[in-house]
Amino acid sequence: MADGGRLSLCIGWDGQKVRQVAIASTRPQASVLLQDQTAQGAEQTARLLFNICGHAQGAAAALAIAAAQDRAHPARAELQLAVACEALQEHLWRLLLDWPLLLGLSKAEKDFVRWYGMLRGIVAGQSDLRIVRQEFEHRWLGMTAAEWLSCSSLDALQLWWRAGSSPAARLLAALEQMDRASVPTNAWLPDWSAEQASLATADQRGVDFALQPHDGGVPAETGALSYYTDTPLLRDVLLQRPSRLLARLLARILDMLDIVGDGGLARLDSTRTADGEGLAVVRTARGLLLHRVQLLEERVVYYQIVAPTEWNFHPQGVLVQGLVGMQVDDADQLKCLAAVQVLSLDPCVEYSVEVCRA
C-alpha cells in the first residue's frame, strides 16, 4: 500500500521509571479494498496491495480464496518457496542493516544486496538455498549452521559471541548490553494450523479483532520466538533472560537456519471452515498472518486480515509490558531502549517514540 500508516508510542516517564505506554496506530484495514471484488480480482489485488511481505499476503489470499472455492491451489509449492525466501529477506534486512545501525555497528550492505538478489533468483528458479546458507555461515555467522545449532544453552553461546569476531558475534555482544526491559507476562500466540486458527477465532470476525487481536481475550506475542519457544536453547535463554529481547533475536537466527536448511519451507496452511469460508495462515518473519474470506457467487462478501503487527503492538500487549516498569534515568537512553524493543518485535510500518513526563 502507498500509505501503510504508522505507529506512535508515547512513553510516560517520571524521570526514573516508565509508568505507562500509549500506542496509537494509523494502519489502514486493507481488507476493505477486497470487499465486493470477484474472487480472481481479490487475489490479484492482494498481491499488489502490500509493499512489505507481499508474497506472504498474496499467498494467504490465494490459499484462502481457493479454500473457500473448495479446491486445491495448483501453485502451492511455488508459493511456499516464495514465502520462505521473503522471510529470509526480511530477517537479513534486520540482522545486516537495521540492528547494526541501531547498535552502532557496521552494516553489511554488500552482503545484504547480494543475498537479497540471490533469494529473488531462487524464487525464479535460478539457484537454490545451499549457496545462501554457505555464504551466510562463512561471512556472517562465523561457523556452520550445525555448529551453531549444537549450542543448546545461553552459556555456550555467550562463550562464542564474547570471544568471536564475526558480525553475528558482535551483534549479540552489543545487544546483551541493551537488555533492560521488564518481563512480559503475555503468552506466545500458538503456531496455529489453519484449522486451529479457524476454531480459535470462529467468533472473532469483526474489525475490532483485526485491529486488536487476542487469544481467548488476552493479547499474545507472535513472531520467530513463538515458533521456536520449545527448543532447548530458547528455553534456557528465556529462563536466564526472561525479558525476551535476546531470545527474539536468537529466534530470528534459528528461523533463518531452519529455512536455509530446507526445514522451514512449510510456512502455509489453509482450510475450508464448516460454514464455507476459506481461511489461510502464513508464518512470516514477523509472526502469524491470517486471511479469512467468504464468497457468494464468486464475489467477496467478507474479508478479514489479521496481521502480526496488530498482535505485537496491541495497546495492552507485549511491547507495553516490556517497557512499563523499566528503570532508566535518562530520556535519550530511554528512547534508545524503547527503539530496541520496537525493533525486536519488528513492525511493518514506520514508528515514532516520544518520551512524556508522567
Protein backbone atom coordinates (compact mmCIF):
# COMPACT_ATOMS: atom_id res chain seq x y z
CA MET A 1 0.00 0.00 0.00
CA ALA A 2 1.25 3.51 -0.76
CA ASP A 3 0.41 4.63 2.79
CA GLY A 4 0.81 1.81 5.27
CA GLY A 5 0.22 4.10 8.24
CA ARG A 6 2.50 4.38 11.23
CA LEU A 7 2.77 3.59 14.94
CA SER A 8 3.23 6.32 17.55
CA LEU A 9 4.49 5.49 21.03
CA CYS A 10 4.03 7.90 23.93
CA ILE A 11 6.10 6.75 26.92
CA GLY A 12 5.03 8.15 30.28
CA TRP A 13 8.22 8.51 32.36
CA ASP A 14 8.74 10.08 35.78
CA GLY A 15 12.48 10.57 35.42
CA GLN A 16 13.31 7.21 36.97
CA LYS A 17 10.82 4.66 35.73
CA VAL A 18 8.41 4.12 32.83
CA ARG A 19 4.90 4.44 34.24
CA GLN A 20 2.73 3.88 31.18
CA VAL A 21 2.91 3.49 27.41
CA ALA A 22 0.29 4.50 24.86
CA ILE A 23 0.36 3.11 21.31
CA ALA A 24 -1.56 4.83 18.52
CA SER A 25 -1.82 3.23 15.09
CA THR A 26 -2.94 4.70 11.78
CA ARG A 27 -2.52 1.41 9.90
CA PRO A 28 -5.40 1.11 7.39
CA GLN A 29 -7.52 -2.01 7.08
CA ALA A 30 -6.56 -3.23 3.62
CA SER A 31 -9.27 -5.87 3.69
CA VAL A 32 -11.93 -3.26 2.84
CA LEU A 33 -10.31 -2.91 -0.60
CA LEU A 34 -11.04 -6.58 -1.30
CA GLN A 35 -14.75 -6.40 -0.45
CA ASP A 36 -17.18 -6.85 -3.37
CA GLN A 37 -14.43 -7.91 -5.78
CA THR A 38 -14.55 -11.11 -7.77
CA ALA A 39 -12.51 -13.95 -6.30
CA GLN A 40 -9.93 -13.60 -9.05
CA GLY A 41 -9.80 -9.82 -8.70
CA ALA A 42 -9.36 -10.01 -4.92
CA GLU A 43 -6.45 -12.44 -5.29
CA GLN A 44 -4.74 -10.16 -7.81
CA THR A 45 -5.36 -7.04 -5.72
CA ALA A 46 -3.95 -8.66 -2.58
CA ARG A 47 -0.68 -9.40 -4.37
CA LEU A 48 -0.34 -5.74 -5.32
CA LEU A 49 -1.50 -4.05 -2.12
CA PHE A 50 1.43 -4.67 0.19
CA ASN A 51 4.94 -3.25 -0.11
CA ILE A 52 6.13 -5.41 2.79
CA CYS A 53 5.53 -9.17 2.99
CA GLY A 54 3.84 -9.02 -0.40
CA HIS A 55 4.49 -12.70 -1.13
CA ALA A 56 3.02 -13.72 2.23
CA GLN A 57 -0.05 -11.54 1.80
CA GLY A 58 -0.58 -12.75 -1.76
CA ALA A 59 -0.15 -16.39 -0.80
CA ALA A 60 -2.56 -16.04 2.12
CA ALA A 61 -5.18 -14.51 -0.16
CA ALA A 62 -4.66 -17.14 -2.87
CA LEU A 63 -4.97 -20.06 -0.46
CA ALA A 64 -7.91 -18.61 1.48
CA ILE A 65 -9.83 -17.98 -1.74
CA ALA A 66 -9.01 -21.44 -3.08
CA ALA A 67 -10.19 -22.97 0.20
CA ALA A 68 -13.46 -21.00 0.02
CA GLN A 69 -13.90 -22.40 -3.50
CA ASP A 70 -13.23 -25.89 -2.10
CA ARG A 71 -10.26 -26.55 -4.36
CA ALA A 72 -6.52 -27.08 -4.02
CA HIS A 73 -4.29 -24.27 -5.21
CA PRO A 74 -2.19 -25.52 -8.17
CA ALA A 75 0.91 -23.43 -7.31
CA ARG A 76 1.14 -24.19 -3.60
CA ALA A 77 4.78 -25.36 -3.75
CA GLU A 78 5.83 -22.20 -5.59
CA LEU A 79 4.00 -20.08 -3.02
CA GLN A 80 5.76 -21.92 -0.18
CA LEU A 81 9.19 -21.19 -1.65
CA ALA A 82 8.39 -17.53 -2.33
CA VAL A 83 7.13 -17.01 1.24
CA ALA A 84 10.19 -18.74 2.74
CA CYS A 85 12.62 -16.65 0.65
CA GLU A 86 10.73 -13.48 1.56
CA ALA A 87 11.04 -14.35 5.25
CA LEU A 88 14.80 -14.76 4.76
CA GLN A 89 14.97 -11.37 3.05
CA GLU A 90 13.15 -9.75 5.97
CA HIS A 91 15.45 -11.42 8.52
CA LEU A 92 18.53 -10.32 6.57
CA TRP A 93 17.25 -6.75 6.41
CA ARG A 94 17.01 -6.62 10.19
CA LEU A 95 20.20 -8.53 11.05
CA LEU A 96 22.53 -6.95 8.48
CA LEU A 97 21.15 -3.40 8.28
CA ASP A 98 18.70 -2.28 10.98
CA TRP A 99 20.19 -3.89 14.08
CA PRO A 100 23.80 -2.82 13.33
CA LEU A 101 22.62 0.74 12.67
CA LEU A 102 20.70 0.89 15.95
CA LEU A 103 23.57 -0.59 17.97
CA GLY A 104 26.34 1.50 16.40
CA LEU A 105 27.92 -1.35 14.41
CA SER A 106 28.92 -1.56 10.76
CA LYS A 107 26.18 -2.54 8.35
CA ALA A 108 26.80 -5.40 5.93
CA GLU A 109 25.28 -3.69 2.92
CA LYS A 110 27.18 -5.56 0.21
CA ASP A 111 26.29 -8.95 1.66
CA PHE A 112 22.69 -7.88 2.09
CA VAL A 113 22.34 -6.74 -1.52
CA ARG A 114 23.99 -9.92 -2.80
CA TRP A 115 21.90 -12.34 -0.72
CA TYR A 116 18.68 -10.41 -1.27
CA GLY A 117 19.22 -10.71 -5.01
CA MET A 118 20.12 -14.38 -4.76
CA LEU A 119 16.89 -15.10 -2.90
CA ARG A 120 14.94 -13.30 -5.59
CA GLY A 121 16.68 -15.53 -8.13
CA ILE A 122 15.83 -18.66 -6.12
CA VAL A 123 12.13 -17.77 -6.32
CA ALA A 124 12.59 -17.51 -10.10
CA GLY A 125 14.22 -20.96 -10.18
CA GLN A 126 17.75 -19.73 -10.91
CA SER A 127 19.57 -21.16 -7.86
CA ASP A 128 18.98 -22.92 -4.56
CA LEU A 129 19.28 -22.16 -0.86
CA ARG A 130 22.52 -24.08 -0.30
CA ILE A 131 24.66 -21.26 -1.70
CA VAL A 132 22.97 -18.69 0.53
CA ARG A 133 23.47 -20.95 3.55
CA GLN A 134 27.17 -21.46 2.85
CA GLU A 135 27.86 -17.76 2.38
CA PHE A 136 25.77 -16.80 5.40
CA GLU A 137 27.66 -19.28 7.57
CA HIS A 138 31.05 -18.08 6.38
CA ARG A 139 30.53 -14.33 6.14
CA TRP A 140 28.03 -13.53 8.92
CA LEU A 141 27.58 -16.36 11.38
CA GLY A 142 31.24 -17.33 11.64
CA MET A 143 30.52 -21.05 12.00
CA THR A 144 28.45 -23.70 10.29
CA ALA A 145 24.76 -23.93 10.95
CA ALA A 146 25.29 -27.35 12.53
CA GLU A 147 27.86 -25.93 14.95
CA TRP A 148 25.61 -23.03 15.89
CA LEU A 149 22.59 -25.27 16.35
CA SER A 150 24.60 -27.58 18.62
CA CYS A 151 24.74 -24.76 21.21
CA SER A 152 21.83 -25.70 23.45
CA SER A 153 22.43 -23.20 26.27
CA LEU A 154 22.90 -19.48 26.72
CA ASP A 155 26.23 -20.06 28.47
CA ALA A 156 27.63 -21.88 25.44
CA LEU A 157 26.52 -19.12 23.08
CA GLN A 158 27.90 -16.41 25.33
CA LEU A 159 31.33 -18.02 25.29
CA TRP A 160 31.20 -17.86 21.50
CA TRP A 161 29.98 -14.32 20.99
CA ARG A 162 32.17 -12.78 23.72
CA ALA A 163 35.26 -14.28 22.12
CA GLY A 164 34.15 -14.19 18.49
CA SER A 165 34.72 -11.59 15.81
CA SER A 166 32.02 -12.45 13.27
CA PRO A 167 29.23 -9.92 12.57
CA ALA A 168 26.80 -12.21 14.39
CA ALA A 169 29.00 -12.37 17.50
CA ARG A 170 29.50 -8.59 17.55
CA LEU A 171 25.77 -8.01 17.17
CA LEU A 172 24.80 -10.33 20.03
CA ALA A 173 27.53 -8.92 22.29
CA ALA A 174 26.22 -5.40 21.70
CA LEU A 175 22.60 -6.40 22.20
CA GLU A 176 23.46 -8.05 25.50
CA GLN A 177 24.26 -4.60 26.92
CA MET A 178 20.81 -3.26 25.95
CA ASP A 179 18.67 -5.84 27.75
CA ARG A 180 16.97 -3.62 30.31
CA ALA A 181 13.35 -4.48 29.62
CA SER A 182 10.73 -5.57 32.12
CA VAL A 183 9.43 -9.13 31.97
CA PRO A 184 6.26 -9.53 29.86
CA THR A 185 3.54 -11.84 31.09
CA ASN A 186 1.66 -12.26 27.80
CA ALA A 187 1.76 -15.75 26.38
CA TRP A 188 3.00 -16.56 22.91
CA LEU A 189 0.48 -16.97 20.16
CA PRO A 190 0.29 -20.68 19.31
CA ASP A 191 1.79 -21.65 15.97
CA TRP A 192 -1.70 -22.39 14.73
CA SER A 193 -2.53 -24.59 11.80
CA ALA A 194 -5.34 -23.18 9.67
CA GLU A 195 -7.85 -25.48 11.32
CA GLN A 196 -6.69 -24.47 14.81
CA ALA A 197 -6.87 -20.79 13.84
CA SER A 198 -10.37 -21.31 12.49
CA LEU A 199 -11.54 -22.85 15.76
CA ALA A 200 -9.76 -20.28 17.96
CA THR A 201 -11.13 -17.27 16.06
CA ALA A 202 -14.51 -18.60 14.96
CA ASP A 203 -16.44 -15.89 16.81
CA GLN A 204 -13.95 -13.09 16.07
CA ARG A 205 -15.00 -11.96 12.61
CA GLY A 206 -15.37 -8.24 13.35
CA VAL A 207 -12.99 -5.39 12.57
CA ASP A 208 -12.24 -4.95 16.29
CA PHE A 209 -10.44 -8.29 16.34
CA ALA A 210 -8.34 -7.36 13.31
CA LEU A 211 -7.35 -4.08 14.99
CA GLN A 212 -6.66 -5.55 18.45
CA PRO A 213 -6.43 -9.35 18.19
CA HIS A 214 -6.32 -11.59 21.23
CA ASP A 215 -6.18 -15.26 22.13
CA GLY A 216 -9.09 -16.01 24.41
CA GLY A 217 -9.32 -12.36 25.46
CA VAL A 218 -5.60 -11.99 26.18
CA PRO A 219 -3.05 -10.25 23.91
CA ALA A 220 -0.30 -12.57 22.71
CA GLU A 221 3.14 -12.30 21.12
CA THR A 222 3.79 -13.72 17.69
CA GLY A 223 6.98 -13.98 15.64
CA ALA A 224 10.01 -16.20 15.28
CA LEU A 225 10.20 -16.58 19.05
CA SER A 226 6.70 -18.04 19.17
CA TYR A 227 7.74 -20.61 16.54
CA TYR A 228 10.77 -21.88 18.48
CA THR A 229 9.99 -21.49 22.19
CA ASP A 230 10.23 -25.25 22.71
CA THR A 231 13.84 -25.53 21.51
CA PRO A 232 16.37 -26.27 24.29
CA LEU A 233 18.37 -23.11 23.52
CA LEU A 234 15.45 -20.71 23.76
CA ARG A 235 14.04 -22.43 26.83
CA ASP A 236 17.37 -21.79 28.55
CA VAL A 237 17.66 -18.22 27.24
CA LEU A 238 14.15 -17.36 28.44
CA LEU A 239 14.90 -18.87 31.83
CA GLN A 240 18.01 -16.71 32.24
CA ARG A 241 16.80 -13.64 30.28
CA PRO A 242 13.01 -13.57 30.65
CA SER A 243 12.67 -10.07 29.12
CA ARG A 244 12.64 -11.87 25.69
CA LEU A 245 14.82 -9.31 23.92
CA LEU A 246 17.78 -11.60 23.35
CA ALA A 247 15.50 -14.59 22.70
CA ARG A 248 13.74 -12.76 19.86
CA LEU A 249 16.97 -12.11 18.01
CA LEU A 250 18.22 -15.66 18.52
CA ALA A 251 14.87 -16.97 17.28
CA ARG A 252 15.33 -14.97 14.06
CA ILE A 253 18.66 -16.70 13.50
CA LEU A 254 17.07 -20.09 14.24
CA ASP A 255 14.33 -19.35 11.74
CA MET A 256 16.88 -18.40 9.08
CA LEU A 257 18.92 -21.55 9.64
CA ASP A 258 15.76 -23.64 9.55
CA ILE A 259 14.79 -22.20 6.17
CA VAL A 260 18.21 -22.45 4.51
CA GLY A 261 18.47 -25.99 5.84
CA ASP A 262 15.25 -26.80 3.94
CA GLY A 263 13.34 -27.49 7.13
CA GLY A 264 11.42 -24.22 7.24
CA LEU A 265 9.80 -24.11 3.82
CA ALA A 266 6.37 -25.31 5.02
CA ARG A 267 5.02 -21.94 6.13
CA LEU A 268 1.49 -22.01 4.65
CA ASP A 269 -1.72 -23.75 5.64
CA SER A 270 -5.37 -23.35 4.65
CA THR A 271 -8.75 -24.85 5.39
CA ARG A 272 -12.40 -24.55 4.43
CA THR A 273 -14.45 -23.84 7.53
CA ALA A 274 -17.72 -25.52 8.44
CA ASP A 275 -19.72 -22.54 7.13
CA GLY A 276 -17.85 -22.44 3.83
CA GLU A 277 -15.31 -19.69 4.48
CA GLY A 278 -11.72 -20.02 3.38
CA LEU A 279 -9.01 -19.41 5.97
CA ALA A 280 -5.24 -19.35 5.48
CA VAL A 281 -2.34 -18.79 7.87
CA VAL A 282 1.22 -17.90 6.89
CA ARG A 283 4.37 -17.98 9.01
CA THR A 284 6.02 -14.66 8.14
CA ALA A 285 9.26 -13.27 9.54
CA ARG A 286 7.18 -11.05 11.86
CA GLY A 287 4.67 -13.64 13.00
CA LEU A 288 1.48 -15.40 12.06
CA LEU A 289 -0.61 -13.79 9.30
CA LEU A 290 -4.28 -14.77 8.91
CA HIS A 291 -6.64 -14.24 5.97
CA ARG A 292 -10.32 -15.21 6.07
CA VAL A 293 -12.71 -14.86 3.13
CA GLN A 294 -16.36 -15.59 2.40
CA LEU A 295 -17.59 -15.80 -1.19
CA LEU A 296 -21.07 -15.59 -2.64
CA GLU A 297 -21.40 -16.48 -6.31
CA GLU A 298 -17.65 -15.92 -6.74
CA ARG A 299 -17.69 -12.44 -5.20
CA VAL A 300 -16.11 -11.44 -1.89
CA VAL A 301 -18.79 -10.64 0.67
CA TYR A 302 -16.48 -10.70 3.69
CA TYR A 303 -12.71 -10.40 4.07
CA GLN A 304 -10.58 -10.27 7.21
CA ILE A 305 -6.82 -9.82 7.58
CA VAL A 306 -5.15 -10.21 10.98
CA ALA A 307 -1.51 -9.18 10.77
CA PRO A 308 1.42 -9.77 13.16
CA THR A 309 1.90 -6.05 13.89
CA GLU A 310 -1.56 -5.85 15.47
CA TRP A 311 -0.71 -8.75 17.80
CA ASN A 312 2.67 -7.42 18.95
CA PHE A 313 1.69 -3.75 19.18
CA HIS A 314 -1.62 -4.27 20.94
CA PRO A 315 -2.32 -1.43 23.43
CA GLN A 316 -2.02 -3.93 26.30
CA GLY A 317 0.42 -6.20 24.52
CA VAL A 318 3.95 -7.43 24.90
CA LEU A 319 5.70 -4.17 23.91
CA VAL A 320 3.84 -2.21 26.57
CA GLN A 321 4.61 -4.89 29.16
CA GLY A 322 8.29 -4.83 28.25
CA LEU A 323 8.52 -1.07 28.71
CA VAL A 324 6.31 -0.33 31.73
CA GLY A 325 8.40 -0.57 34.88
CA MET A 326 11.74 -0.15 33.08
CA GLN A 327 14.22 1.67 35.30
CA VAL A 328 16.11 4.40 33.44
CA ASP A 329 17.10 7.95 34.46
CA ASP A 330 17.97 9.47 31.08
CA ALA A 331 15.38 10.38 28.44
CA ASP A 332 17.68 9.82 25.46
CA GLN A 333 18.71 6.43 26.78
CA LEU A 334 15.04 5.58 27.29
CA LYS A 335 14.26 6.41 23.66
CA CYS A 336 17.13 4.16 22.55
CA LEU A 337 15.99 1.29 24.78
CA ALA A 338 12.42 1.69 23.51
CA ALA A 339 13.65 1.60 19.90
CA VAL A 340 15.48 -1.65 20.66
CA GLN A 341 12.27 -3.18 21.99
CA VAL A 342 10.27 -2.00 18.99
CA LEU A 343 12.79 -3.40 16.51
CA SER A 344 12.85 -6.74 18.35
CA LEU A 345 9.11 -7.01 17.56
CA ASP A 346 9.60 -5.61 14.04
CA PRO A 347 6.58 -3.53 12.99
CA CYS A 348 5.85 -3.48 9.28
CA VAL A 349 5.40 0.31 9.29
CA GLU A 350 7.33 3.38 10.36
CA TYR A 351 7.11 4.36 14.02
CA SER A 352 7.93 7.24 16.33
CA VAL A 353 8.81 7.32 20.04
CA GLU A 354 8.01 10.28 22.31
CA VAL A 355 9.00 10.45 25.97
CA CYS A 356 6.46 12.34 28.05
CA ARG A 357 6.78 13.30 31.69
CA ALA A 358 4.39 11.26 33.81
